[in-house]
């Protein structure tokens, strides 16, 4: 759902609030570790937070065409939880006129991204 929300005119806080509802529906909101993404490029990662472009509830920046942002939802389930561990998707998106172009081109979903260790 997150990839669909990245489009011109979308407010960062609204994107975060909608994704919170998805996490809440699946009982995962309390295990979310931070925002859902941030700016990329010249003002990337650390500076993205300073510049006010992070996909969090307290950031009201409005996305515009040609911005580059990440979408990286993550959950971390604590030791003692039956499914303990963490999972994170990470895509880099270019905001386009009619949505977003995913330039990561990496397949997503647990079946593609979980490393199973021999026990």
Foldseek 3Di string as FASTA:
>chain_A
DLQQQQAFFRFLLVSQVVVLVVCVVVVFNVFWDDFFKFFDDPCDDPNRVVVQGTNHNVGGDGDHAQTKMKGKTKGADPPVPPPGGMDIDIWIWGHHNNGTDTPVPQDDDPVRDDDDDDD
